[in-house]
Each structure stands twice: as C-alpha cells, then as structure tokens.
Amino acid sequence: MNQHPGWLVAGLGILITACGVAWAFSARIPWLGRLPGDIAIERENFRFYFPVVTCVLLSLVLTACAWLFRYFSR
C-alpha cells in the first residue's frame, strides 16, 4: 500500500466526472426509474415514489464494477 496519494485524487476525479456525465444523460434513459416493481403512489395532493427495482439493479451494477476493479487491480 505504498501508492502515491495522487492516484487516489485522480481516481476520485474520474469517479466524480463519471457521476456528472451519468446525471447529465439520465434523462435520456426513459426506463430508468420506471421499471416494473418500482413503487409509485399518486393521490390528489400526495405523490410517493420509491424505485425499488431500480435501486437493486443499480446496486448490482455498482457491485460488479467494484468487483471487476478489485479483481484487475491485483
């Protein structure tokens, strides 16, 4: 673990940039957040929305990315 801290800062910068790009293009993915299994309750003066399946899918993708990063960094 004698890595230079500059690599950590560079990695965090890339991660923040990737999050920004994903946020910018998230409106162009119409199915994201509207998958079957997501909870949506709309009443006259009330709206509740919880994207359960979207959260599970995002968790699986991020876990796979973290696993691959760790696997190839050995």
C-alpha atoms as a PDB file:
ATOM      1  CA  MET A   1       0.000   0.000   0.000  1.00  0.00           C
ATOM      2  CA  ASN A   2       2.808   2.398  -0.812  1.00  0.00           C
ATOM      3  CA  GLN A   3       0.891   4.074  -3.609  1.00  0.00           C
ATOM      4  CA  HIS A   4       1.170   7.770  -4.232  1.00  0.00           C
ATOM      5  CA  PRO A   5      -1.895   9.727  -2.982  1.00  0.00           C
ATOM      6  CA  GLY A   6      -2.121  11.431  -6.357  1.00  0.00           C
ATOM      7  CA  TRP A   7      -3.615   8.259  -7.821  1.00  0.00           C
ATOM      8  CA  LEU A   8      -6.401   8.392  -5.246  1.00  0.00           C
ATOM      9  CA  VAL A   9      -7.187  12.002  -6.128  1.00  0.00           C
ATOM     10  CA  ALA A  10      -7.128  11.178  -9.847  1.00  0.00           C
ATOM     11  CA  GLY A  11      -9.434   8.200  -9.284  1.00  0.00           C
ATOM     12  CA  LEU A  12     -11.871  10.299  -7.277  1.00  0.00           C
ATOM     13  CA  GLY A  13     -11.837  12.925 -10.015  1.00  0.00           C
ATOM     14  CA  ILE A  14     -12.672  10.326 -12.633  1.00  0.00           C
ATOM     15  CA  LEU A  15     -15.450   8.946 -10.420  1.00  0.00           C
ATOM     16  CA  ILE A  16     -16.974  12.404  -9.881  1.00  0.00           C
ATOM     17  CA  THR A  17     -16.762  13.120 -13.620  1.00  0.00           C
ATOM     18  CA  ALA A  18     -18.453   9.804 -14.427  1.00  0.00           C
ATOM     19  CA  CYS A  19     -21.251  10.591 -11.955  1.00  0.00           C
ATOM     20  CA  GLY A  20     -21.735  14.005 -13.558  1.00  0.00           C
ATOM     21  CA  VAL A  21     -21.917  12.539 -17.051  1.00  0.00           C
ATOM     22  CA  ALA A  22     -24.355   9.859 -15.881  1.00  0.00           C
ATOM     23  CA  TRP A  23     -26.515  12.527 -14.236  1.00  0.00           C
ATOM     24  CA  ALA A  24     -26.500  14.648 -17.402  1.00  0.00           C
ATOM     25  CA  PHE A  25     -27.595  11.740 -19.596  1.00  0.00           C
ATOM     26  CA  SER A  26     -30.001  10.115 -17.118  1.00  0.00           C
ATOM     27  CA  ALA A  27     -32.974  11.986 -18.592  1.00  0.00           C
ATOM     28  CA  ARG A  28     -32.304  10.280 -21.930  1.00  0.00           C
ATOM     29  CA  ILE A  29     -32.806   6.822 -20.423  1.00  0.00           C
ATOM     30  CA  PRO A  30     -36.621   6.680 -20.212  1.00  0.00           C
ATOM     31  CA  TRP A  31     -36.876   3.295 -18.458  1.00  0.00           C
ATOM     32  CA  LEU A  32     -34.503   4.223 -15.631  1.00  0.00           C
ATOM     33  CA  GLY A  33     -36.633   4.721 -12.544  1.00  0.00           C
ATOM     34  CA  ARG A  34     -39.775   3.325 -14.150  1.00  0.00           C
ATOM     35  CA  LEU A  35     -39.063  -0.386 -14.056  1.00  0.00           C
ATOM     36  CA  PRO A  36     -41.703  -2.961 -13.117  1.00  0.00           C
ATOM     37  CA  GLY A  37     -41.602  -3.315  -9.353  1.00  0.00           C
ATOM     38  CA  ASP A  38     -40.911   0.343  -8.603  1.00  0.00           C
ATOM     39  CA  ILE A  39     -43.459   1.723  -6.149  1.00  0.00           C
ATOM     40  CA  ALA A  40     -45.451   4.757  -7.270  1.00  0.00           C
ATOM     41  CA  ILE A  41     -48.478   6.077  -5.373  1.00  0.00           C
ATOM     42  CA  GLU A  42     -50.206   9.203  -6.652  1.00  0.00           C
ATOM     43  CA  ARG A  43     -53.161  10.813  -4.891  1.00  0.00           C
ATOM     44  CA  GLU A  44     -54.807  14.202  -5.214  1.00  0.00           C
ATOM     45  CA  ASN A  45     -52.328  16.106  -3.006  1.00  0.00           C
ATOM     46  CA  PHE A  46     -49.739  13.419  -2.447  1.00  0.00           C
ATOM     47  CA  ARG A  47     -47.100  11.672  -4.513  1.00  0.00           C
ATOM     48  CA  PHE A  48     -44.855   8.884  -3.225  1.00  0.00           C
ATOM     49  CA  TYR A  49     -42.289   7.190  -5.376  1.00  0.00           C
ATOM     50  CA  PHE A  50     -39.671   4.612  -4.391  1.00  0.00           C
ATOM     51  CA  PRO A  51     -37.702   2.910  -7.175  1.00  0.00           C
ATOM     52  CA  VAL A  52     -37.064  -0.463  -5.509  1.00  0.00           C
ATOM     53  CA  VAL A  53     -36.085  -2.425  -8.621  1.00  0.00           C
ATOM     54  CA  THR A  54     -34.018   0.454  -9.984  1.00  0.00           C
ATOM     55  CA  CYS A  55     -32.077   0.584  -6.700  1.00  0.00           C
ATOM     56  CA  VAL A  56     -31.449  -3.176  -6.786  1.00  0.00           C
ATOM     57  CA  LEU A  57     -30.308  -3.007 -10.430  1.00  0.00           C
ATOM     58  CA  LEU A  58     -28.010  -0.055  -9.701  1.00  0.00           C
ATOM     59  CA  SER A  59     -26.586  -1.896  -6.696  1.00  0.00           C
ATOM     60  CA  LEU A  60     -25.831  -4.976  -8.805  1.00  0.00           C
ATOM     61  CA  VAL A  61     -24.110  -2.910 -11.495  1.00  0.00           C
ATOM     62  CA  LEU A  62     -22.000  -0.967  -8.983  1.00  0.00           C
ATOM     63  CA  THR A  63     -21.086  -4.162  -7.123  1.00  0.00           C
ATOM     64  CA  ALA A  64     -19.989  -5.791 -10.379  1.00  0.00           C
ATOM     65  CA  CYS A  65     -17.890  -2.726 -11.272  1.00  0.00           C
ATOM     66  CA  ALA A  66     -16.257  -2.705  -7.837  1.00  0.00           C
ATOM     67  CA  TRP A  67     -15.584  -6.432  -8.056  1.00  0.00           C
ATOM     68  CA  LEU A  68     -14.004  -6.087 -11.510  1.00  0.00           C
ATOM     69  CA  PHE A  69     -11.901  -3.125 -10.385  1.00  0.00           C
ATOM     70  CA  ARG A  70     -10.641  -5.076  -7.399  1.00  0.00           C
ATOM     71  CA  TYR A  71     -10.034  -8.216  -9.481  1.00  0.00           C
ATOM     72  CA  PHE A  72      -7.956  -6.419 -12.107  1.00  0.00           C
ATOM     73  CA  SER A  73      -6.040  -4.233  -9.652  1.00  0.00           C
ATOM     74  CA  ARG A  74      -4.297  -7.246  -8.072  1.00  0.00           C
END
